[in-house]
Structure formats: structure tokens, C-alpha cells
C-alpha atoms as a PDB file:
ATOM      1  CA  MET A   1      15.741 -37.273   2.076  1.00  0.00           C
ATOM      2  CA  TYR A   2      19.358 -38.337   2.036  1.00  0.00           C
ATOM      3  CA  THR A   3      21.835 -39.808  -0.392  1.00  0.00           C
ATOM      4  CA  LEU A   4      23.154 -43.306   0.303  1.00  0.00           C
ATOM      5  CA  ARG A   5      26.345 -41.866   1.810  1.00  0.00           C
ATOM      6  CA  GLU A   6      24.336 -39.563   4.082  1.00  0.00           C
ATOM      7  CA  TYR A   7      22.145 -42.467   5.247  1.00  0.00           C
ATOM      8  CA  SER A   8      25.261 -44.542   5.885  1.00  0.00           C
ATOM      9  CA  ASP A   9      27.030 -41.760   7.808  1.00  0.00           C
ATOM     10  CA  LEU A  10      23.939 -41.080   9.917  1.00  0.00           C
ATOM     11  CA  LEU A  11      23.506 -44.761  10.737  1.00  0.00           C
ATOM     12  CA  ARG A  12      27.175 -45.189  11.690  1.00  0.00           C
ATOM     13  CA  ARG A  13      26.790 -42.326  14.174  1.00  0.00           C
ATOM     14  CA  LEU A  14      23.697 -43.952  15.705  1.00  0.00           C
ATOM     15  CA  VAL A  15      24.918 -47.561  16.027  1.00  0.00           C
ATOM     16  CA  PRO A  16      27.490 -48.368  18.748  1.00  0.00           C
ATOM     17  CA  ARG A  17      31.080 -48.403  17.525  1.00  0.00           C
ATOM     18  CA  GLU A  18      31.659 -52.102  18.260  1.00  0.00           C
ATOM     19  CA  ALA A  19      28.903 -53.183  15.844  1.00  0.00           C
ATOM     20  CA  PHE A  20      29.254 -53.258  12.078  1.00  0.00           C
ATOM     21  CA  VAL A  21      26.945 -51.494   9.630  1.00  0.00           C
ATOM     22  CA  ARG A  22      26.993 -52.686   6.027  1.00  0.00           C
ATOM     23  CA  LEU A  23      24.927 -52.457   2.904  1.00  0.00           C
ATOM     24  CA  ASP A  24      22.602 -55.435   2.835  1.00  0.00           C
ATOM     25  CA  ARG A  25      22.605 -57.820  -0.118  1.00  0.00           C
ATOM     26  CA  ASP A  26      19.096 -58.984   0.632  1.00  0.00           C
ATOM     27  CA  SER A  27      15.935 -56.991   1.266  1.00  0.00           C
ATOM     28  CA  ALA A  28      17.044 -54.197   3.614  1.00  0.00           C
ATOM     29  CA  LEU A  29      19.284 -51.291   2.718  1.00  0.00           C
ATOM     30  CA  PHE A  30      21.638 -51.852   5.684  1.00  0.00           C
ATOM     31  CA  ILE A  31      22.420 -54.670   8.083  1.00  0.00           C
ATOM     32  CA  SER A  32      24.089 -54.580  11.505  1.00  0.00           C
ATOM     33  CA  ASP A  33      25.082 -57.051  14.201  1.00  0.00           C
ATOM     34  CA  TYR A  34      24.324 -54.649  17.065  1.00  0.00           C
ATOM     35  CA  PRO A  35      21.667 -57.012  18.542  1.00  0.00           C
ATOM     36  CA  LEU A  36      24.457 -59.556  19.180  1.00  0.00           C
ATOM     37  CA  ARG A  37      27.263 -57.177  20.149  1.00  0.00           C
ATOM     38  CA  CYS A  38      25.262 -54.610  22.111  1.00  0.00           C
ATOM     39  CA  PRO A  39      22.439 -56.344  24.004  1.00  0.00           C
ATOM     40  CA  GLY A  40      19.830 -53.858  25.122  1.00  0.00           C
ATOM     41  CA  PHE A  41      20.665 -51.268  22.468  1.00  0.00           C
ATOM     42  CA  MET A  42      17.670 -50.281  20.345  1.00  0.00           C
ATOM     43  CA  LEU A  43      17.989 -48.145  17.240  1.00  0.00           C
ATOM     44  CA  ASP A  44      15.328 -45.528  17.808  1.00  0.00           C
ATOM     45  CA  ASP A  45      15.517 -42.904  15.100  1.00  0.00           C
ATOM     46  CA  PRO A  46      12.685 -41.532  12.955  1.00  0.00           C
ATOM     47  CA  GLU A  47      14.803 -41.910   9.797  1.00  0.00           C
ATOM     48  CA  PHE A  48      15.033 -45.719  10.062  1.00  0.00           C
ATOM     49  CA  ALA A  49      12.807 -48.765  10.500  1.00  0.00           C
ATOM     50  CA  VAL A  50      14.379 -51.943  11.906  1.00  0.00           C
ATOM     51  CA  GLU A  51      13.502 -55.630  11.651  1.00  0.00           C
ATOM     52  CA  SER A  52      15.461 -58.073  13.823  1.00  0.00           C
ATOM     53  CA  ARG A  53      16.107 -61.445  12.210  1.00  0.00           C
ATOM     54  CA  GLY A  54      18.533 -64.112  13.359  1.00  0.00           C
ATOM     55  CA  GLY A  55      20.547 -61.803  15.616  1.00  0.00           C
ATOM     56  CA  LEU A  56      20.956 -59.175  12.905  1.00  0.00           C
ATOM     57  CA  ALA A  57      19.183 -55.874  12.473  1.00  0.00           C
ATOM     58  CA  HIS A  58      17.840 -55.275   8.968  1.00  0.00           C
ATOM     59  CA  ILE A  59      17.599 -51.505   8.619  1.00  0.00           C
ATOM     60  CA  PHE A  60      15.426 -49.619   6.157  1.00  0.00           C
ATOM     61  CA  PRO A  61      15.274 -45.862   5.651  1.00  0.00           C
ATOM     62  CA  ARG A  62      11.804 -44.469   6.103  1.00  0.00           C
ATOM     63  CA  PHE A  63      11.041 -42.758   2.833  1.00  0.00           C
ATOM     64  CA  ASP A  64       8.447 -40.427   4.313  1.00  0.00           C
ATOM     65  CA  GLY A  65       6.528 -38.568   1.695  1.00  0.00           C
ATOM     66  CA  ALA A  66       7.462 -40.984  -1.094  1.00  0.00           C
ATOM     67  CA  PRO A  67       4.496 -42.126  -3.171  1.00  0.00           C
ATOM     68  CA  GLU A  68       3.558 -45.794  -2.918  1.00  0.00           C
ATOM     69  CA  THR A  69       4.523 -46.345  -6.572  1.00  0.00           C
ATOM     70  CA  LEU A  70       8.118 -45.403  -5.720  1.00  0.00           C
ATOM     71  CA  LYS A  71       8.597 -46.810  -2.194  1.00  0.00           C
ATOM     72  CA  ALA A  72       9.444 -50.350  -3.309  1.00  0.00           C
ATOM     73  CA  ASP A  73      11.999 -49.112  -5.841  1.00  0.00           C
ATOM     74  CA  LEU A  74      13.821 -46.571  -3.664  1.00  0.00           C
ATOM     75  CA  PRO A  75      15.810 -49.135  -1.616  1.00  0.00           C
ATOM     76  CA  LYS A  76      16.862 -50.889  -4.847  1.00  0.00           C
ATOM     77  CA  MET A  77      17.901 -47.588  -6.421  1.00  0.00           C
ATOM     78  CA  TYR A  78      19.920 -46.630  -3.356  1.00  0.00           C
ATOM     79  CA  LYS A  79      21.497 -50.060  -2.959  1.00  0.00           C
ATOM     80  CA  THR A  80      23.002 -50.444  -6.410  1.00  0.00           C
ATOM     81  CA  ALA A  81      25.471 -47.580  -5.861  1.00  0.00           C
ATOM     82  CA  GLU A  82      25.456 -43.930  -4.982  1.00  0.00           C
ATOM     83  CA  LEU A  83      22.169 -42.515  -6.094  1.00  0.00           C
ATOM     84  CA  THR A  84      23.012 -40.677  -9.313  1.00  0.00           C
ATOM     85  CA  ASP A  85      21.328 -37.833 -11.104  1.00  0.00           C
ATOM     86  CA  LYS A  86      21.190 -39.935 -14.264  1.00  0.00           C
ATOM     87  CA  ARG A  87      19.205 -42.775 -12.665  1.00  0.00           C
ATOM     88  CA  LEU A  88      16.879 -40.333 -10.955  1.00  0.00           C
ATOM     89  CA  ARG A  89      16.348 -38.315 -14.121  1.00  0.00           C
ATOM     90  CA  GLN A  90      15.528 -41.529 -16.013  1.00  0.00           C
ATOM     91  CA  ARG A  91      12.971 -42.431 -13.357  1.00  0.00           C
ATOM     92  CA  LEU A  92      11.621 -38.869 -13.473  1.00  0.00           C
ATOM     93  CA  ALA A  93      11.145 -39.129 -17.242  1.00  0.00           C
ATOM     94  CA  LEU A  94       9.293 -42.425 -16.796  1.00  0.00           C
ATOM     95  CA  ALA A  95       7.051 -40.939 -14.095  1.00  0.00           C
ATOM     96  CA  LEU A  96       6.237 -37.968 -16.313  1.00  0.00           C
ATOM     97  CA  ARG A  97       5.427 -40.239 -19.282  1.00  0.00           C
ATOM     98  CA  LEU A  98       3.123 -42.338 -17.087  1.00  0.00           C
ATOM     99  CA  GLY A  99       1.462 -39.253 -15.597  1.00  0.00           C
ATOM    100  CA  ARG A 100       2.585 -40.031 -12.043  1.00  0.00           C
ATOM    101  CA  THR A 101       2.753 -36.460 -10.782  1.00  0.00           C
ATOM    102  CA  ASP A 102       3.217 -37.405  -7.115  1.00  0.00           C
ATOM    103  CA  GLU A 103       6.211 -39.566  -8.051  1.00  0.00           C
ATOM    104  CA  SER A 104       7.726 -36.921 -10.330  1.00  0.00           C
ATOM    105  CA  ASP A 105       7.298 -34.227  -7.638  1.00  0.00           C
ATOM    106  CA  TYR A 106       9.072 -36.427  -5.085  1.00  0.00           C
ATOM    107  CA  ILE A 107      11.963 -37.165  -7.465  1.00  0.00           C
ATOM    108  CA  LYS A 108      12.298 -33.455  -8.293  1.00  0.00           C
ATOM    109  CA  ARG A 109      12.585 -32.698  -4.546  1.00  0.00           C
ATOM    110  CA  LEU A 110      15.199 -35.443  -4.167  1.00  0.00           C
ATOM    111  CA  LEU A 111      17.204 -34.034  -7.097  1.00  0.00           C
ATOM    112  CA  GLU A 112      17.002 -30.524  -5.599  1.00  0.00           C
ATOM    113  CA  HIS A 113      18.206 -31.894  -2.256  1.00  0.00           C
ATOM    114  CA  MET A 114      21.132 -33.632  -3.928  1.00  0.00           C
ATOM    115  CA  GLU A 115      22.062 -30.492  -5.879  1.00  0.00           C
ATOM    116  CA  ALA A 116      21.937 -28.374  -2.712  1.00  0.00           C
ATOM    117  CA  ALA A 117      24.072 -30.911  -0.824  1.00  0.00           C
ATOM    118  CA  ASN A 118      26.549 -30.905  -3.704  1.00  0.00           C
ATOM    119  CA  GLU A 119      26.726 -27.095  -3.688  1.00  0.00           C
ATOM    120  CA  ASP A 120      27.284 -27.106   0.091  1.00  0.00           C
ATOM    121  CA  GLN A 121      30.102 -29.612  -0.328  1.00  0.00           C
ATOM    122  CA  MET A 122      31.681 -27.599  -3.143  1.00  0.00           C
ATOM    123  CA  ALA A 123      31.453 -24.397  -1.081  1.00  0.00           C
ATOM    124  CA  GLY A 124      33.555 -26.092   1.587  1.00  0.00           C
ATOM    125  CA  THR A 125      36.395 -26.925  -0.803  1.00  0.00           C
ATOM    126  CA  ARG A 126      39.227 -24.581  -1.764  1.00  0.00           C
ATOM    127  CA  MET A 127      41.582 -24.470  -4.669  1.00  0.00           C
ATOM    128  CA  LEU A 128      45.200 -24.868  -3.553  1.00  0.00           C
END
């Protein structure tokens, strides 16, 4: 599980430098022109699924472990902006009200991951 920035950073390291990687405005989370700029290159990473359409690669994170009730919404949640605690906590409250324990467990793990990543980032900063 990654934040949007972490997915973006990982993808930029995987795709050749001459190709662009952008947030997609359509159905995928990211889009790249690497099929046109880098013939023969194939994005082969377990974190991402790729659909090629019209010379562009439409790239989706694989949300392994996410319950089916949440899988369709995760790309939308990620795409609107940085995934925030507030949006996740709202979704967690909804899942708890609806009795979706698998969904609430997954969101709790995602929140814990984000908190740990935030603590790691804060540990690397110093006061001047």
C-alpha cells in the first residue's frame, strides 16, 4: 500500500526517462506515452497493471488485499488529490456503519501505513 506520491515516485523510477508519467483524467490512475517513445519497453512490476490503448499506457495500481467493495473506489480516492486521513477516516466510518469489516480492516492498515510513513519522514527532518 502506497500513498499517491509514493505510487508516482515508484512509477517514475520504473518508466524510461524520455517518457512522461501523469495522473490520468479518465479511468486509470496514471498514463504514460512510453509505448510510443520507448518501443519494446514493457512495464513489468507487481505493483501495477497496464492497459495499452491508442499508443498510451493506462496504468493502475494493483490494490492487492483490498476488498471488492473498495477496489472500484480506491483509484478515485487516490486521483482526486493526495490521499488524506480525513477522507480515509470518513470512508472507515461508513464501512463500520455498514458492517463491512474487511473494508474497515483494509482502511485501518492503510492509515497505519500512512502514519508510519509520516513518522519516518518526520524522523529524517531536523530543526535548524
